[in-house]
Amino acid sequence: MDDAGRGISSAGRRRHGGRSRHAAARGARLGRRAAVAVQPAGQSVLQPASVTTRLSCCDRADEGSRVKPLTEQDIRGSFVNATDEQLARLPIPGIHETLWDEREFLGWRDPQASHLGYIVHWMHDRPTGIVLRAASGGLRPGIAAMCSFCHSSQPATQVRMFSAPRAGDAGRNGNTIGSYICDDLACSLLIRIVPPHAQSSEHIAERADALLTRVHNFTATVMKTA
């Protein structure tokens, strides 16, 4: 399995129980606002590999890739590496409660199969989805890590290795690509939790563009069948 990135995200992330996704998102943003600041001295950090962070002009997300509202039909028809069984039992998140203008992609974990996660985003003006499988073991507590998608610093226990089967025969033959990603796939929330000196719309837009570019690059690698 290719190790396409290493990572971590900001402290203070909480689980939101039975609250709606809309309320949970806003609560997470408020709860994390104070947790983004400084890396404690002497704390070891897992850094993302350059293969997923090097942004070139040809890799940058185009305007047809910007986030747009997704319907259930869009989501079910978007996956490039899902099996028939996975599609048949695919759980649909609360899309009617989603703040689309604050999303670069729709990411969620499977409530009935916690080892599975899903990401759907717009790529070349089409919804494109990938199925992820979470590693059974997490990173060692007490260190920091960085999500390879959003580059947010956080405790290592809030980052997990996810693997994605490649599309087509390659994936059916066991070929996968892996990367360290935020455990709850909530990268779009984290990039909007910033210290006061970095709260400009330009700063958030730059982070959003970089996040979407990394997601596109990861998805493009998943879609390579040779």
C-alpha atoms as a PDB file:
ATOM      1  CA  MET A   1       0.000   0.000   0.000  1.00  0.00           C
ATOM      2  CA  ASP A   2       1.374   3.416  -0.969  1.00  0.00           C
ATOM      3  CA  ASP A   3       1.880   5.654   2.041  1.00  0.00           C
ATOM      4  CA  ALA A   4       0.826   8.915   0.381  1.00  0.00           C
ATOM      5  CA  GLY A   5       0.878  11.142   3.428  1.00  0.00           C
ATOM      6  CA  ARG A   6       1.488  11.523   7.118  1.00  0.00           C
ATOM      7  CA  GLY A   7      -0.480  13.764   9.377  1.00  0.00           C
ATOM      8  CA  ILE A   8      -2.346  15.306  12.437  1.00  0.00           C
ATOM      9  CA  SER A   9      -5.177  17.831  13.355  1.00  0.00           C
ATOM     10  CA  SER A  10      -6.085  20.345  16.110  1.00  0.00           C
ATOM     11  CA  ALA A  11      -6.856  19.383  19.723  1.00  0.00           C
ATOM     12  CA  GLY A  12     -10.269  19.775  21.241  1.00  0.00           C
ATOM     13  CA  ARG A  13     -12.286  17.662  18.792  1.00  0.00           C
ATOM     14  CA  ARG A  14     -15.399  16.197  20.385  1.00  0.00           C
ATOM     15  CA  ARG A  15     -17.969  13.633  19.431  1.00  0.00           C
ATOM     16  CA  HIS A  16     -21.443  15.075  19.125  1.00  0.00           C
ATOM     17  CA  GLY A  17     -23.726  12.147  20.048  1.00  0.00           C
ATOM     18  CA  GLY A  18     -27.199  12.415  18.583  1.00  0.00           C
ATOM     19  CA  ARG A  19     -27.113  16.086  17.604  1.00  0.00           C
ATOM     20  CA  SER A  20     -27.847  16.991  14.008  1.00  0.00           C
ATOM     21  CA  ARG A  21     -24.932  17.403  11.616  1.00  0.00           C
ATOM     22  CA  HIS A  22     -25.751  21.093  11.330  1.00  0.00           C
ATOM     23  CA  ALA A  23     -25.535  21.637  15.081  1.00  0.00           C
ATOM     24  CA  ALA A  24     -22.537  19.337  15.418  1.00  0.00           C
ATOM     25  CA  ALA A  25     -20.640  21.225  12.741  1.00  0.00           C
ATOM     26  CA  ARG A  26     -21.211  24.558  14.407  1.00  0.00           C
ATOM     27  CA  GLY A  27     -20.373  23.120  17.814  1.00  0.00           C
ATOM     28  CA  ALA A  28     -17.150  21.619  16.496  1.00  0.00           C
ATOM     29  CA  ARG A  29     -16.112  24.920  14.970  1.00  0.00           C
ATOM     30  CA  LEU A  30     -16.658  26.743  18.253  1.00  0.00           C
ATOM     31  CA  GLY A  31     -15.076  23.998  20.330  1.00  0.00           C
ATOM     32  CA  ARG A  32     -11.936  23.851  18.213  1.00  0.00           C
ATOM     33  CA  ARG A  33     -11.383  27.584  17.818  1.00  0.00           C
ATOM     34  CA  ALA A  34      -8.893  27.747  20.678  1.00  0.00           C
ATOM     35  CA  ALA A  35      -7.082  24.553  19.753  1.00  0.00           C
ATOM     36  CA  VAL A  36      -5.202  25.456  16.620  1.00  0.00           C
ATOM     37  CA  ALA A  37      -2.381  27.502  17.953  1.00  0.00           C
ATOM     38  CA  VAL A  38       1.102  26.411  18.929  1.00  0.00           C
ATOM     39  CA  GLN A  39       2.823  23.043  18.773  1.00  0.00           C
ATOM     40  CA  PRO A  40       4.066  22.191  22.312  1.00  0.00           C
ATOM     41  CA  ALA A  41       7.838  22.205  22.601  1.00  0.00           C
ATOM     42  CA  GLY A  42       9.469  18.810  22.362  1.00  0.00           C
ATOM     43  CA  GLN A  43       6.396  17.118  20.914  1.00  0.00           C
ATOM     44  CA  SER A  44       7.152  14.775  18.046  1.00  0.00           C
ATOM     45  CA  VAL A  45       5.169  15.401  14.906  1.00  0.00           C
ATOM     46  CA  LEU A  46       4.292  13.157  11.988  1.00  0.00           C
ATOM     47  CA  GLN A  47       4.760  15.240   8.859  1.00  0.00           C
ATOM     48  CA  PRO A  48       2.863  14.672   5.605  1.00  0.00           C
ATOM     49  CA  ALA A  49       4.837  13.220   2.739  1.00  0.00           C
ATOM     50  CA  SER A  50       5.631  15.577  -0.101  1.00  0.00           C
ATOM     51  CA  VAL A  51       3.900  13.395  -2.684  1.00  0.00           C
ATOM     52  CA  THR A  52       0.490  14.653  -1.514  1.00  0.00           C
ATOM     53  CA  THR A  53       1.438  18.206  -0.628  1.00  0.00           C
ATOM     54  CA  ARG A  54       3.352  19.373  -3.686  1.00  0.00           C
ATOM     55  CA  LEU A  55       0.932  21.630  -5.579  1.00  0.00           C
ATOM     56  CA  SER A  56       1.589  22.416  -9.214  1.00  0.00           C
ATOM     57  CA  CYS A  57      -0.399  24.629 -11.556  1.00  0.00           C
ATOM     58  CA  CYS A  58      -1.657  21.632 -13.477  1.00  0.00           C
ATOM     59  CA  ASP A  59      -2.821  19.871 -10.280  1.00  0.00           C
ATOM     60  CA  ARG A  60      -4.815  22.761  -8.869  1.00  0.00           C
ATOM     61  CA  ALA A  61      -8.569  22.355  -8.665  1.00  0.00           C
ATOM     62  CA  ASP A  62     -10.367  23.987 -11.574  1.00  0.00           C
ATOM     63  CA  GLU A  63     -13.560  26.029 -11.265  1.00  0.00           C
ATOM     64  CA  GLY A  64     -15.647  23.024 -12.323  1.00  0.00           C
ATOM     65  CA  SER A  65     -14.412  21.275  -9.189  1.00  0.00           C
ATOM     66  CA  ARG A  66     -15.774  23.732  -6.639  1.00  0.00           C
ATOM     67  CA  VAL A  67     -18.203  22.309  -4.110  1.00  0.00           C
ATOM     68  CA  LYS A  68     -21.855  22.132  -5.110  1.00  0.00           C
ATOM     69  CA  PRO A  69     -24.869  20.611  -3.369  1.00  0.00           C
ATOM     70  CA  LEU A  70     -25.125  16.845  -3.789  1.00  0.00           C
ATOM     71  CA  THR A  71     -28.290  14.775  -4.032  1.00  0.00           C
ATOM     72  CA  GLU A  72     -28.648  11.177  -2.880  1.00  0.00           C
ATOM     73  CA  GLN A  73     -28.599  10.128  -6.550  1.00  0.00           C
ATOM     74  CA  ASP A  74     -25.375  12.100  -7.101  1.00  0.00           C
ATOM     75  CA  ILE A  75     -23.754  10.358  -4.143  1.00  0.00           C
ATOM     76  CA  ARG A  76     -24.823   6.818  -5.035  1.00  0.00           C
ATOM     77  CA  GLY A  77     -23.662   7.204  -8.620  1.00  0.00           C
ATOM     78  CA  SER A  78     -20.327   8.852  -7.855  1.00  0.00           C
ATOM     79  CA  PHE A  79     -18.123   6.068  -6.441  1.00  0.00           C
ATOM     80  CA  VAL A  80     -15.187   4.879  -8.518  1.00  0.00           C
ATOM     81  CA  ASN A  81     -13.944   2.093  -6.219  1.00  0.00           C
ATOM     82  CA  ALA A  82     -17.019   0.730  -4.418  1.00  0.00           C
ATOM     83  CA  THR A  83     -18.228  -2.861  -4.624  1.00  0.00           C
ATOM     84  CA  ASP A  84     -21.849  -3.694  -5.418  1.00  0.00           C
ATOM     85  CA  GLU A  85     -22.334  -4.769  -1.807  1.00  0.00           C
ATOM     86  CA  GLN A  86     -20.990  -1.464  -0.484  1.00  0.00           C
ATOM     87  CA  LEU A  87     -23.250   0.519  -2.802  1.00  0.00           C
ATOM     88  CA  ALA A  88     -26.284  -1.521  -1.775  1.00  0.00           C
ATOM     89  CA  ARG A  89     -25.812  -0.688   1.907  1.00  0.00           C
ATOM     90  CA  LEU A  90     -24.347   2.804   1.489  1.00  0.00           C
ATOM     91  CA  PRO A  91     -25.522   5.109   4.316  1.00  0.00           C
ATOM     92  CA  ILE A  92     -26.429   8.616   3.163  1.00  0.00           C
ATOM     93  CA  PRO A  93     -25.444  11.460   5.537  1.00  0.00           C
ATOM     94  CA  GLY A  94     -27.669  14.403   6.424  1.00  0.00           C
ATOM     95  CA  ILE A  95     -27.242  16.249   3.141  1.00  0.00           C
ATOM     96  CA  HIS A  96     -30.174  18.590   3.816  1.00  0.00           C
ATOM     97  CA  GLU A  97     -28.343  19.900   6.897  1.00  0.00           C
ATOM     98  CA  THR A  98     -24.983  20.323   5.163  1.00  0.00           C
ATOM     99  CA  LEU A  99     -23.498  23.814   4.871  1.00  0.00           C
ATOM    100  CA  TRP A 100     -22.352  23.431   1.277  1.00  0.00           C
ATOM    101  CA  ASP A 101     -20.602  26.788   1.120  1.00  0.00           C
ATOM    102  CA  GLU A 102     -18.281  25.557   3.883  1.00  0.00           C
ATOM    103  CA  ARG A 103     -17.374  22.230   2.281  1.00  0.00           C
ATOM    104  CA  GLU A 104     -14.655  21.207  -0.136  1.00  0.00           C
ATOM    105  CA  PHE A 105     -15.923  17.631   0.007  1.00  0.00           C
ATOM    106  CA  LEU A 106     -18.568  15.585   1.787  1.00  0.00           C
ATOM    107  CA  GLY A 107     -16.903  13.128   4.153  1.00  0.00           C
ATOM    108  CA  TRP A 108     -18.495  10.718   6.631  1.00  0.00           C
ATOM    109  CA  ARG A 109     -17.930   7.459   8.496  1.00  0.00           C
ATOM    110  CA  ASP A 110     -20.281   4.487   8.254  1.00  0.00           C
ATOM    111  CA  PRO A 111     -22.316   4.246  11.502  1.00  0.00           C
ATOM    112  CA  GLN A 112     -22.925   0.517  10.960  1.00  0.00           C
ATOM    113  CA  ALA A 113     -19.426  -0.382   9.765  1.00  0.00           C
ATOM    114  CA  SER A 114     -16.983   1.896  11.567  1.00  0.00           C
ATOM    115  CA  HIS A 115     -14.012   0.730   9.486  1.00  0.00           C
ATOM    116  CA  LEU A 116     -15.534   2.333   6.372  1.00  0.00           C
ATOM    117  CA  GLY A 117     -15.502   5.983   5.369  1.00  0.00           C
ATOM    118  CA  TYR A 118     -16.663   7.866   2.290  1.00  0.00           C
ATOM    119  CA  ILE A 119     -15.582  11.020   0.477  1.00  0.00           C
ATOM    120  CA  VAL A 120     -17.526  12.650  -2.366  1.00  0.00           C
ATOM    121  CA  HIS A 121     -16.426  15.821  -4.122  1.00  0.00           C
ATOM    122  CA  TRP A 122     -16.811  17.567  -7.456  1.00  0.00           C
ATOM    123  CA  MET A 123     -14.025  16.800  -9.893  1.00  0.00           C
ATOM    124  CA  HIS A 124     -14.084  18.179 -13.430  1.00  0.00           C
ATOM    125  CA  ASP A 125     -17.706  19.205 -12.927  1.00  0.00           C
ATOM    126  CA  ARG A 126     -18.782  15.693 -11.905  1.00  0.00           C
ATOM    127  CA  PRO A 127     -19.423  14.204  -8.446  1.00  0.00           C
ATOM    128  CA  THR A 128     -16.655  11.700  -7.694  1.00  0.00           C
ATOM    129  CA  GLY A 129     -16.640   9.423  -4.666  1.00  0.00           C
ATOM    130  CA  ILE A 130     -14.169   7.031  -3.064  1.00  0.00           C
ATOM    131  CA  VAL A 131     -14.588   4.396  -0.371  1.00  0.00           C
ATOM    132  CA  LEU A 132     -11.991   4.395   2.409  1.00  0.00           C
ATOM    133  CA  ARG A 133     -11.109   1.688   4.908  1.00  0.00           C
ATOM    134  CA  ALA A 134      -9.753   2.759   8.308  1.00  0.00           C
ATOM    135  CA  ALA A 135      -6.817   0.894   9.808  1.00  0.00           C
ATOM    136  CA  SER A 136      -7.719  -1.096  12.914  1.00  0.00           C
ATOM    137  CA  GLY A 137      -4.943   0.441  15.002  1.00  0.00           C
ATOM    138  CA  GLY A 138      -4.379   4.136  15.552  1.00  0.00           C
ATOM    139  CA  LEU A 139      -1.282   6.235  16.052  1.00  0.00           C
ATOM    140  CA  ARG A 140       0.535   6.267  19.386  1.00  0.00           C
ATOM    141  CA  PRO A 141      -1.079   8.569  21.989  1.00  0.00           C
ATOM    142  CA  GLY A 142       0.969  11.482  23.247  1.00  0.00           C
ATOM    143  CA  ILE A 143       2.374  12.612  19.915  1.00  0.00           C
ATOM    144  CA  ALA A 144       1.089  15.041  17.324  1.00  0.00           C
ATOM    145  CA  ALA A 145       0.301  14.369  13.698  1.00  0.00           C
ATOM    146  CA  MET A 146      -0.929  16.202  10.616  1.00  0.00           C
ATOM    147  CA  CYS A 147      -3.729  15.203   8.271  1.00  0.00           C
ATOM    148  CA  SER A 148      -2.320  14.801   4.775  1.00  0.00           C
ATOM    149  CA  PHE A 149      -5.408  16.519   3.316  1.00  0.00           C
ATOM    150  CA  CYS A 150      -6.018  19.619   5.444  1.00  0.00           C
ATOM    151  CA  HIS A 151      -2.579  19.923   7.118  1.00  0.00           C
ATOM    152  CA  SER A 152      -4.207  20.646  10.491  1.00  0.00           C
ATOM    153  CA  SER A 153      -2.149  19.868  13.590  1.00  0.00           C
ATOM    154  CA  GLN A 154      -3.918  17.762  16.217  1.00  0.00           C
ATOM    155  CA  PRO A 155      -3.377  14.863  18.620  1.00  0.00           C
ATOM    156  CA  ALA A 156      -2.320  11.714  16.787  1.00  0.00           C
ATOM    157  CA  THR A 157      -5.353   9.853  18.150  1.00  0.00           C
ATOM    158  CA  GLN A 158      -7.542  12.063  15.949  1.00  0.00           C
ATOM    159  CA  VAL A 159      -5.753  11.009  12.752  1.00  0.00           C
ATOM    160  CA  ARG A 160      -5.987   7.558  11.219  1.00  0.00           C
ATOM    161  CA  MET A 161      -4.494   5.652   8.332  1.00  0.00           C
ATOM    162  CA  PHE A 162      -7.114   5.151   5.625  1.00  0.00           C
ATOM    163  CA  SER A 163      -6.636   2.972   2.574  1.00  0.00           C
ATOM    164  CA  ALA A 164      -8.618   3.177  -0.647  1.00  0.00           C
ATOM    165  CA  PRO A 165      -8.814   0.346  -3.181  1.00  0.00           C
ATOM    166  CA  ARG A 166      -7.796   1.473  -6.633  1.00  0.00           C
ATOM    167  CA  ALA A 167     -10.513   1.517  -9.267  1.00  0.00           C
ATOM    168  CA  GLY A 168     -11.137  -1.467 -11.541  1.00  0.00           C
ATOM    169  CA  ASP A 169      -9.196  -4.723 -11.572  1.00  0.00           C
ATOM    170  CA  ALA A 170      -6.282  -3.174  -9.681  1.00  0.00           C
ATOM    171  CA  GLY A 171      -8.437  -2.651  -6.601  1.00  0.00           C
ATOM    172  CA  ARG A 172     -10.126  -6.037  -6.928  1.00  0.00           C
ATOM    173  CA  ASN A 173      -6.645  -7.565  -6.926  1.00  0.00           C
ATOM    174  CA  GLY A 174      -5.840  -5.866  -3.631  1.00  0.00           C
ATOM    175  CA  ASN A 175      -3.976  -2.773  -4.870  1.00  0.00           C
ATOM    176  CA  THR A 176      -4.637   0.148  -2.524  1.00  0.00           C
ATOM    177  CA  ILE A 177      -3.354   3.626  -1.737  1.00  0.00           C
ATOM    178  CA  GLY A 178      -3.179   4.907   1.831  1.00  0.00           C
ATOM    179  CA  SER A 179      -2.810   8.192   3.672  1.00  0.00           C
ATOM    180  CA  TYR A 180      -3.197   9.640   7.160  1.00  0.00           C
ATOM    181  CA  ILE A 181      -6.458  11.623   7.283  1.00  0.00           C
ATOM    182  CA  CYS A 182      -8.610  13.204   9.986  1.00  0.00           C
ATOM    183  CA  ASP A 183     -10.412  10.370  11.747  1.00  0.00           C
ATOM    184  CA  ASP A 184     -13.848  11.971  11.306  1.00  0.00           C
ATOM    185  CA  LEU A 185     -13.101  13.186   7.743  1.00  0.00           C
ATOM    186  CA  ALA A 186     -14.024  16.717   8.876  1.00  0.00           C
ATOM    187  CA  CYS A 187     -11.170  18.547   7.153  1.00  0.00           C
ATOM    188  CA  SER A 188     -13.461  21.299   5.850  1.00  0.00           C
ATOM    189  CA  LEU A 189     -14.372  22.237   9.416  1.00  0.00           C
ATOM    190  CA  LEU A 190     -10.791  22.286  10.635  1.00  0.00           C
ATOM    191  CA  ILE A 191      -9.432  24.653   7.999  1.00  0.00           C
ATOM    192  CA  ARG A 192     -12.030  27.199   9.120  1.00  0.00           C
ATOM    193  CA  ILE A 193     -10.932  27.071  12.760  1.00  0.00           C
ATOM    194  CA  VAL A 194      -8.103  29.579  12.683  1.00  0.00           C
ATOM    195  CA  PRO A 195      -6.378  31.922  15.166  1.00  0.00           C
ATOM    196  CA  PRO A 196      -7.452  35.590  15.089  1.00  0.00           C
ATOM    197  CA  HIS A 197      -4.445  36.712  13.052  1.00  0.00           C
ATOM    198  CA  ALA A 198      -5.355  34.287  10.244  1.00  0.00           C
ATOM    199  CA  GLN A 199      -9.113  34.800   9.989  1.00  0.00           C
ATOM    200  CA  SER A 200      -9.055  36.610   6.639  1.00  0.00           C
ATOM    201  CA  SER A 201     -11.193  35.207   3.855  1.00  0.00           C
ATOM    202  CA  GLU A 202      -8.086  35.053   1.656  1.00  0.00           C
ATOM    203  CA  HIS A 203      -6.277  32.794   4.134  1.00  0.00           C
ATOM    204  CA  ILE A 204      -9.228  30.415   4.410  1.00  0.00           C
ATOM    205  CA  ALA A 205      -9.649  30.405   0.617  1.00  0.00           C
ATOM    206  CA  GLU A 206      -5.983  29.446   0.195  1.00  0.00           C
ATOM    207  CA  ARG A 207      -6.360  26.565   2.655  1.00  0.00           C
ATOM    208  CA  ALA A 208      -9.585  25.473   0.939  1.00  0.00           C
ATOM    209  CA  ASP A 209      -7.901  25.430  -2.480  1.00  0.00           C
ATOM    210  CA  ALA A 210      -4.953  23.454  -1.115  1.00  0.00           C
ATOM    211  CA  LEU A 211      -7.272  20.970   0.634  1.00  0.00           C
ATOM    212  CA  LEU A 212      -9.307  20.366  -2.491  1.00  0.00           C
ATOM    213  CA  THR A 213      -6.171  19.969  -4.603  1.00  0.00           C
ATOM    214  CA  ARG A 214      -4.816  17.271  -2.276  1.00  0.00           C
ATOM    215  CA  VAL A 215      -8.161  15.456  -2.297  1.00  0.00           C
ATOM    216  CA  HIS A 216      -8.189  15.612  -6.103  1.00  0.00           C
ATOM    217  CA  ASN A 217      -4.643  14.253  -6.306  1.00  0.00           C
ATOM    218  CA  PHE A 218      -5.482  11.386  -3.967  1.00  0.00           C
ATOM    219  CA  THR A 219      -8.639  10.562  -5.933  1.00  0.00           C
ATOM    220  CA  ALA A 220      -6.766  10.722  -9.244  1.00  0.00           C
ATOM    221  CA  THR A 221      -4.276   8.185  -7.904  1.00  0.00           C
ATOM    222  CA  VAL A 222      -7.130   5.917  -6.789  1.00  0.00           C
ATOM    223  CA  MET A 223      -8.601   6.126 -10.290  1.00  0.00           C
ATOM    224  CA  LYS A 224      -5.364   5.020 -11.973  1.00  0.00           C
ATOM    225  CA  THR A 225      -5.882   1.416 -13.003  1.00  0.00           C
ATOM    226  CA  ALA A 226      -2.343   0.696 -14.216  1.00  0.00           C
END
